[in-house]
């Protein structure tokens, strides 16, 4: 895995690619048969909530969209592990986190990969490399 995608980056990749920065586009283009991009199960949950609340409209039905957006070999899903849960605890004392952001930062730290994000709160925290 070469990087973990934040929720908005996954949405932009499939729905509005012009919103991606140059560095984000370059890392997404590196995905292939032997180099997957990571997508946390928390991201899938977040997208489902956004659709449910009407904050995001997808080009496909949500189940089909999520299946395509997480299809191998370009994407590898990342579930919650004991190590990620433990890392989330260490992050809790550093700031008031959005729960999904906390999961994503902990996941990227445990996996040792950058987080592809445009979230300035995450990048400003400096707790994980970002693209």
N, C-alpha and C. Protein backbone atom coordinates (compact mmCIF):
# COMPACT_ATOMS: atom_id res chain seq x y z
N UNK A 1 0.84 -1.17 0.00
CA UNK A 1 0.00 0.00 0.00
C UNK A 1 0.89 1.24 0.00
N UNK A 2 0.55 2.20 -0.87
CA UNK A 2 1.40 3.39 -0.99
C UNK A 2 0.85 4.60 -0.24
N UNK A 3 -0.44 4.62 0.05
CA UNK A 3 -1.04 5.74 0.77
C UNK A 3 -2.45 5.37 1.19
N UNK A 4 -2.97 6.08 2.17
CA UNK A 4 -4.35 5.92 2.63
C UNK A 4 -5.13 7.15 2.17
N UNK A 5 -6.32 6.93 1.64
CA UNK A 5 -7.12 8.05 1.13
C UNK A 5 -8.12 8.55 2.17
N UNK A 6 -8.16 9.87 2.36
CA UNK A 6 -9.19 10.47 3.18
C UNK A 6 -10.50 10.39 2.41
N UNK A 7 -11.60 10.49 3.14
CA UNK A 7 -12.93 10.33 2.54
C UNK A 7 -13.16 11.27 1.37
N UNK A 8 -12.87 12.54 1.54
CA UNK A 8 -13.12 13.49 0.46
C UNK A 8 -12.25 13.21 -0.76
N UNK A 9 -11.06 12.70 -0.57
CA UNK A 9 -10.19 12.38 -1.70
C UNK A 9 -10.77 11.22 -2.49
N UNK A 10 -11.28 10.21 -1.82
CA UNK A 10 -11.92 9.09 -2.53
C UNK A 10 -13.13 9.59 -3.32
N UNK A 11 -13.92 10.45 -2.71
CA UNK A 11 -15.07 11.01 -3.42
C UNK A 11 -14.63 11.82 -4.63
N UNK A 12 -13.63 12.67 -4.44
CA UNK A 12 -13.15 13.49 -5.56
C UNK A 12 -12.60 12.62 -6.68
N UNK A 13 -11.85 11.57 -6.32
CA UNK A 13 -11.23 10.69 -7.31
C UNK A 13 -12.28 10.13 -8.27
N UNK A 14 -13.43 9.74 -7.75
CA UNK A 14 -14.46 9.10 -8.57
C UNK A 14 -15.54 10.05 -9.06
N UNK A 15 -15.71 11.20 -8.39
CA UNK A 15 -16.83 12.07 -8.72
C UNK A 15 -16.43 13.44 -9.26
N UNK A 16 -15.25 13.95 -8.89
CA UNK A 16 -14.89 15.32 -9.24
C UNK A 16 -13.37 15.48 -9.23
N UNK A 17 -12.69 14.76 -10.10
CA UNK A 17 -11.22 14.68 -10.08
C UNK A 17 -10.53 16.03 -10.22
N UNK A 18 -11.19 17.02 -10.78
CA UNK A 18 -10.54 18.33 -10.94
C UNK A 18 -10.26 19.00 -9.60
N UNK A 19 -10.89 18.52 -8.52
CA UNK A 19 -10.65 19.09 -7.19
C UNK A 19 -9.35 18.57 -6.56
N UNK A 20 -8.78 17.51 -7.12
CA UNK A 20 -7.54 16.94 -6.60
C UNK A 20 -6.36 17.84 -6.91
N UNK A 21 -5.43 17.94 -5.98
CA UNK A 21 -4.21 18.70 -6.22
C UNK A 21 -3.28 17.90 -7.13
N UNK A 22 -2.26 18.55 -7.64
CA UNK A 22 -1.28 17.87 -8.48
C UNK A 22 -0.61 16.70 -7.77
N UNK A 23 -0.10 16.91 -6.54
CA UNK A 23 0.51 15.79 -5.81
C UNK A 23 -0.48 14.65 -5.54
N UNK A 24 -1.73 15.00 -5.27
CA UNK A 24 -2.74 13.96 -5.05
C UNK A 24 -2.97 13.15 -6.33
N UNK A 25 -3.06 13.82 -7.44
CA UNK A 25 -3.25 13.12 -8.72
C UNK A 25 -2.07 12.18 -9.01
N UNK A 26 -0.86 12.68 -8.73
CA UNK A 26 0.33 11.85 -9.00
C UNK A 26 0.32 10.58 -8.16
N UNK A 27 -0.05 10.67 -6.90
CA UNK A 27 -0.04 9.46 -6.07
C UNK A 27 -1.16 8.52 -6.49
N UNK A 28 -2.31 9.04 -6.88
CA UNK A 28 -3.40 8.19 -7.34
C UNK A 28 -3.02 7.46 -8.63
N UNK A 29 -2.23 8.12 -9.49
CA UNK A 29 -1.80 7.49 -10.74
C UNK A 29 -0.80 6.36 -10.50
N UNK A 30 -0.15 6.34 -9.33
CA UNK A 30 0.81 5.29 -9.02
C UNK A 30 0.14 3.97 -8.67
N UNK A 31 -1.14 4.00 -8.38
CA UNK A 31 -1.84 2.76 -8.02
C UNK A 31 -1.89 1.83 -9.23
N UNK A 32 -1.68 0.57 -8.97
CA UNK A 32 -1.69 -0.41 -10.04
C UNK A 32 -1.75 -1.82 -9.50
N UNK A 33 -1.33 -2.77 -10.31
CA UNK A 33 -1.41 -4.19 -9.93
C UNK A 33 -0.62 -4.52 -8.68
N UNK A 34 0.49 -3.83 -8.46
CA UNK A 34 1.34 -4.16 -7.31
C UNK A 34 1.40 -3.06 -6.26
N UNK A 35 0.74 -1.93 -6.49
CA UNK A 35 0.77 -0.82 -5.55
C UNK A 35 -0.64 -0.28 -5.33
N UNK A 36 -1.28 -0.73 -4.28
CA UNK A 36 -2.65 -0.33 -4.00
C UNK A 36 -2.71 0.93 -3.14
N UNK A 37 -3.83 1.59 -3.22
CA UNK A 37 -4.16 2.70 -2.33
C UNK A 37 -5.07 2.15 -1.24
N UNK A 38 -4.89 2.61 -0.02
CA UNK A 38 -5.71 2.12 1.08
C UNK A 38 -6.96 2.95 1.26
N UNK A 39 -8.04 2.26 1.60
CA UNK A 39 -9.30 2.91 1.95
C UNK A 39 -9.79 2.26 3.23
N UNK A 40 -9.95 3.07 4.26
CA UNK A 40 -10.42 2.58 5.55
C UNK A 40 -11.91 2.27 5.50
N UNK A 41 -12.30 1.26 6.27
CA UNK A 41 -13.73 0.97 6.40
C UNK A 41 -14.46 2.17 6.99
N UNK A 42 -13.76 3.00 7.77
CA UNK A 42 -14.37 4.22 8.31
C UNK A 42 -14.76 5.18 7.18
N UNK A 43 -14.00 5.18 6.11
CA UNK A 43 -14.32 6.01 4.96
C UNK A 43 -15.61 5.54 4.30
N UNK A 44 -15.78 4.23 4.19
CA UNK A 44 -17.02 3.69 3.61
C UNK A 44 -18.22 4.09 4.46
N UNK A 45 -18.05 4.00 5.78
CA UNK A 45 -19.11 4.39 6.71
C UNK A 45 -19.43 5.88 6.55
N UNK A 46 -18.39 6.69 6.44
CA UNK A 46 -18.59 8.13 6.31
C UNK A 46 -19.31 8.47 5.00
N UNK A 47 -18.95 7.83 3.92
CA UNK A 47 -19.62 8.09 2.64
C UNK A 47 -21.08 7.68 2.72
N UNK A 48 -21.36 6.52 3.31
CA UNK A 48 -22.75 6.08 3.45
C UNK A 48 -23.56 7.09 4.27
N UNK A 49 -22.98 7.63 5.33
CA UNK A 49 -23.68 8.64 6.13
C UNK A 49 -23.93 9.91 5.33
N UNK A 50 -22.93 10.34 4.55
CA UNK A 50 -23.08 11.54 3.74
C UNK A 50 -24.20 11.37 2.70
N UNK A 51 -24.28 10.19 2.11
CA UNK A 51 -25.34 9.90 1.14
C UNK A 51 -26.69 9.89 1.85
N UNK A 52 -26.75 9.21 2.99
CA UNK A 52 -27.99 9.11 3.75
C UNK A 52 -28.53 10.49 4.14
N UNK A 53 -27.63 11.39 4.51
CA UNK A 53 -28.02 12.73 4.95
C UNK A 53 -28.23 13.70 3.79
N UNK A 54 -28.00 13.22 2.56
CA UNK A 54 -28.20 14.07 1.40
C UNK A 54 -27.09 15.08 1.17
N UNK A 55 -25.96 14.92 1.83
CA UNK A 55 -24.85 15.86 1.68
C UNK A 55 -23.98 15.53 0.48
N UNK A 56 -24.10 14.28 -0.02
CA UNK A 56 -23.34 13.83 -1.18
C UNK A 56 -24.29 13.07 -2.10
N UNK A 57 -24.17 13.36 -3.39
CA UNK A 57 -24.92 12.61 -4.41
C UNK A 57 -23.91 11.90 -5.28
N UNK A 58 -24.08 10.60 -5.41
CA UNK A 58 -23.16 9.77 -6.19
C UNK A 58 -23.73 9.50 -7.57
N UNK A 59 -22.87 9.21 -8.52
CA UNK A 59 -23.29 8.92 -9.89
C UNK A 59 -23.94 7.54 -10.01
N UNK A 60 -23.73 6.69 -9.00
CA UNK A 60 -24.27 5.32 -9.00
C UNK A 60 -24.98 5.06 -7.68
N UNK A 61 -25.79 4.01 -7.61
CA UNK A 61 -26.35 3.63 -6.30
C UNK A 61 -25.19 3.39 -5.32
N UNK A 62 -25.40 3.73 -4.05
CA UNK A 62 -24.32 3.72 -3.07
C UNK A 62 -23.61 2.37 -2.97
N UNK A 63 -24.34 1.26 -3.01
CA UNK A 63 -23.69 -0.05 -2.89
C UNK A 63 -22.79 -0.33 -4.08
N UNK A 64 -23.23 0.03 -5.28
CA UNK A 64 -22.41 -0.17 -6.47
C UNK A 64 -21.21 0.78 -6.46
N UNK A 65 -21.43 2.02 -6.05
CA UNK A 65 -20.35 3.00 -5.99
C UNK A 65 -19.26 2.53 -5.03
N UNK A 66 -19.65 2.11 -3.83
CA UNK A 66 -18.67 1.66 -2.84
C UNK A 66 -17.90 0.43 -3.33
N UNK A 67 -18.59 -0.49 -3.99
CA UNK A 67 -17.92 -1.69 -4.51
C UNK A 67 -16.89 -1.31 -5.57
N UNK A 68 -17.24 -0.41 -6.47
CA UNK A 68 -16.29 0.01 -7.51
C UNK A 68 -15.14 0.81 -6.93
N UNK A 69 -15.43 1.66 -5.94
CA UNK A 69 -14.40 2.53 -5.36
C UNK A 69 -13.41 1.75 -4.51
N UNK A 70 -13.73 0.53 -4.16
CA UNK A 70 -12.82 -0.27 -3.34
C UNK A 70 -12.36 -1.53 -4.06
N UNK A 71 -12.48 -1.54 -5.37
CA UNK A 71 -12.13 -2.72 -6.15
C UNK A 71 -10.61 -2.89 -6.26
N UNK A 72 -10.18 -4.12 -6.05
CA UNK A 72 -8.77 -4.48 -6.27
C UNK A 72 -8.51 -4.44 -7.77
N UNK A 73 -7.29 -4.26 -8.20
CA UNK A 73 -6.05 -4.15 -7.45
C UNK A 73 -5.68 -2.72 -7.06
N UNK A 74 -6.45 -1.71 -7.52
CA UNK A 74 -6.08 -0.33 -7.23
C UNK A 74 -6.28 0.05 -5.77
N UNK A 75 -7.24 -0.59 -5.12
CA UNK A 75 -7.60 -0.22 -3.75
C UNK A 75 -7.57 -1.45 -2.85
N UNK A 76 -7.09 -1.22 -1.64
CA UNK A 76 -7.09 -2.26 -0.60
C UNK A 76 -7.83 -1.70 0.61
N UNK A 77 -8.86 -2.41 1.05
CA UNK A 77 -9.62 -1.96 2.22
C UNK A 77 -8.83 -2.22 3.49
N UNK A 78 -8.96 -1.29 4.43
CA UNK A 78 -8.27 -1.38 5.72
C UNK A 78 -9.31 -1.40 6.83
N UNK A 79 -9.36 -2.51 7.54
CA UNK A 79 -10.27 -2.62 8.67
C UNK A 79 -9.60 -2.15 9.95
N UNK A 80 -10.38 -2.13 11.00
CA UNK A 80 -9.87 -1.76 12.32
C UNK A 80 -9.08 -2.93 12.88
N UNK A 81 -7.89 -2.65 13.38
CA UNK A 81 -7.06 -3.68 14.01
C UNK A 81 -6.80 -3.26 15.45
N UNK A 82 -6.36 -4.19 16.29
CA UNK A 82 -6.00 -3.80 17.65
C UNK A 82 -4.94 -2.69 17.67
N UNK A 83 -3.98 -2.74 16.77
CA UNK A 83 -2.94 -1.71 16.73
C UNK A 83 -3.52 -0.34 16.39
N UNK A 84 -4.48 -0.30 15.48
CA UNK A 84 -5.11 0.97 15.11
C UNK A 84 -5.93 1.50 16.28
N UNK A 85 -6.67 0.63 16.95
CA UNK A 85 -7.44 1.06 18.12
C UNK A 85 -6.53 1.63 19.20
N UNK A 86 -5.41 0.98 19.44
CA UNK A 86 -4.44 1.46 20.43
C UNK A 86 -3.89 2.82 20.00
N UNK A 87 -3.56 2.99 18.73
CA UNK A 87 -3.03 4.26 18.23
C UNK A 87 -4.06 5.38 18.36
N UNK A 88 -5.32 5.06 18.21
CA UNK A 88 -6.37 6.06 18.38
C UNK A 88 -6.36 6.62 19.80
N UNK A 89 -6.07 5.77 20.78
CA UNK A 89 -6.01 6.22 22.17
C UNK A 89 -4.89 7.24 22.33
N UNK A 90 -3.75 6.97 21.73
CA UNK A 90 -2.62 7.90 21.88
C UNK A 90 -2.91 9.24 21.20
N UNK A 91 -3.76 9.25 20.19
CA UNK A 91 -4.11 10.49 19.51
C UNK A 91 -5.13 11.32 20.29
N UNK A 92 -5.89 10.68 21.15
CA UNK A 92 -6.99 11.37 21.82
C UNK A 92 -6.51 12.53 22.69
N UNK A 93 -5.31 12.45 23.20
CA UNK A 93 -4.81 13.51 24.09
C UNK A 93 -4.23 14.68 23.31
N UNK A 94 -4.08 14.57 22.02
CA UNK A 94 -3.41 15.60 21.23
C UNK A 94 -4.33 16.71 20.73
N UNK A 95 -5.61 16.41 20.60
CA UNK A 95 -6.58 17.42 20.16
C UNK A 95 -7.97 16.83 20.14
N UNK A 96 -8.94 17.65 19.88
CA UNK A 96 -10.32 17.20 19.77
C UNK A 96 -10.55 16.74 18.33
N UNK A 97 -10.57 15.46 18.12
CA UNK A 97 -10.64 14.88 16.78
C UNK A 97 -12.07 14.56 16.36
N UNK A 98 -12.34 14.73 15.09
CA UNK A 98 -13.50 14.11 14.46
C UNK A 98 -13.23 12.61 14.52
N UNK A 99 -14.20 11.78 14.92
CA UNK A 99 -13.92 10.34 15.06
C UNK A 99 -13.36 9.68 13.80
N UNK A 100 -13.90 10.01 12.64
CA UNK A 100 -13.40 9.40 11.41
C UNK A 100 -11.97 9.85 11.12
N UNK A 101 -11.67 11.12 11.34
CA UNK A 101 -10.30 11.61 11.12
C UNK A 101 -9.33 10.90 12.05
N UNK A 102 -9.74 10.69 13.26
CA UNK A 102 -8.89 10.00 14.23
C UNK A 102 -8.58 8.58 13.77
N UNK A 103 -9.58 7.89 13.25
CA UNK A 103 -9.36 6.54 12.72
C UNK A 103 -8.40 6.59 11.54
N UNK A 104 -8.59 7.55 10.63
CA UNK A 104 -7.74 7.63 9.44
C UNK A 104 -6.30 7.95 9.80
N UNK A 105 -6.08 8.90 10.69
CA UNK A 105 -4.72 9.25 11.09
C UNK A 105 -4.07 8.06 11.79
N UNK A 106 -4.79 7.41 12.68
CA UNK A 106 -4.24 6.23 13.38
C UNK A 106 -3.92 5.12 12.39
N UNK A 107 -4.78 4.90 11.42
CA UNK A 107 -4.55 3.85 10.41
C UNK A 107 -3.30 4.16 9.60
N UNK A 108 -3.16 5.39 9.12
CA UNK A 108 -1.98 5.76 8.33
C UNK A 108 -0.71 5.61 9.15
N UNK A 109 -0.77 6.00 10.43
CA UNK A 109 0.42 5.88 11.29
C UNK A 109 0.80 4.42 11.50
N UNK A 110 -0.17 3.57 11.77
CA UNK A 110 0.12 2.15 12.00
C UNK A 110 0.65 1.49 10.73
N UNK A 111 0.06 1.84 9.59
CA UNK A 111 0.49 1.23 8.32
C UNK A 111 1.78 1.86 7.79
N UNK A 112 2.16 3.00 8.33
CA UNK A 112 3.39 3.66 7.88
C UNK A 112 3.29 4.24 6.49
N UNK A 113 2.09 4.75 6.15
CA UNK A 113 1.88 5.35 4.82
C UNK A 113 1.35 6.77 4.99
N UNK A 114 1.55 7.61 3.97
CA UNK A 114 0.99 8.96 4.05
C UNK A 114 -0.53 8.93 3.90
N UNK A 115 -1.17 9.96 4.42
CA UNK A 115 -2.61 10.14 4.26
C UNK A 115 -2.83 11.17 3.16
N UNK A 116 -3.59 10.81 2.15
CA UNK A 116 -3.90 11.73 1.06
C UNK A 116 -5.13 12.51 1.49
N UNK A 117 -4.93 13.79 1.80
CA UNK A 117 -5.99 14.62 2.36
C UNK A 117 -5.80 16.08 2.00
N UNK A 118 -6.91 16.80 2.02
CA UNK A 118 -6.86 18.26 1.88
C UNK A 118 -7.34 18.91 3.18
N UNK A 119 -7.50 18.11 4.22
CA UNK A 119 -7.99 18.59 5.51
C UNK A 119 -6.86 19.34 6.23
N UNK A 120 -7.00 20.63 6.34
CA UNK A 120 -5.93 21.45 6.93
C UNK A 120 -5.74 21.17 8.42
N UNK A 121 -6.78 20.72 9.10
CA UNK A 121 -6.61 20.37 10.52
C UNK A 121 -5.70 19.15 10.66
N UNK A 122 -5.82 18.21 9.74
CA UNK A 122 -4.96 17.02 9.79
C UNK A 122 -3.54 17.39 9.40
N UNK A 123 -3.39 18.13 8.31
CA UNK A 123 -2.03 18.48 7.87
C UNK A 123 -1.34 19.36 8.90
N UNK A 124 -2.07 20.29 9.51
CA UNK A 124 -1.47 21.18 10.50
C UNK A 124 -1.04 20.45 11.76
N UNK A 125 -1.71 19.35 12.09
CA UNK A 125 -1.36 18.58 13.28
C UNK A 125 0.02 17.95 13.14
N UNK A 126 0.43 17.63 11.92
CA UNK A 126 1.76 17.08 11.68
C UNK A 126 2.01 15.71 12.31
N UNK A 127 0.95 14.96 12.53
CA UNK A 127 1.10 13.65 13.19
C UNK A 127 1.26 12.50 12.20
N UNK A 128 1.09 12.80 10.93
CA UNK A 128 1.23 11.78 9.90
C UNK A 128 1.64 12.51 8.61
N UNK A 129 2.51 11.88 7.81
CA UNK A 129 2.83 12.50 6.51
C UNK A 129 1.56 12.62 5.65
N UNK A 130 1.43 13.72 4.96
CA UNK A 130 0.24 13.94 4.11
C UNK A 130 0.64 14.32 2.70
N UNK A 131 -0.27 14.05 1.80
CA UNK A 131 -0.10 14.41 0.39
C UNK A 131 -1.29 15.25 0.00
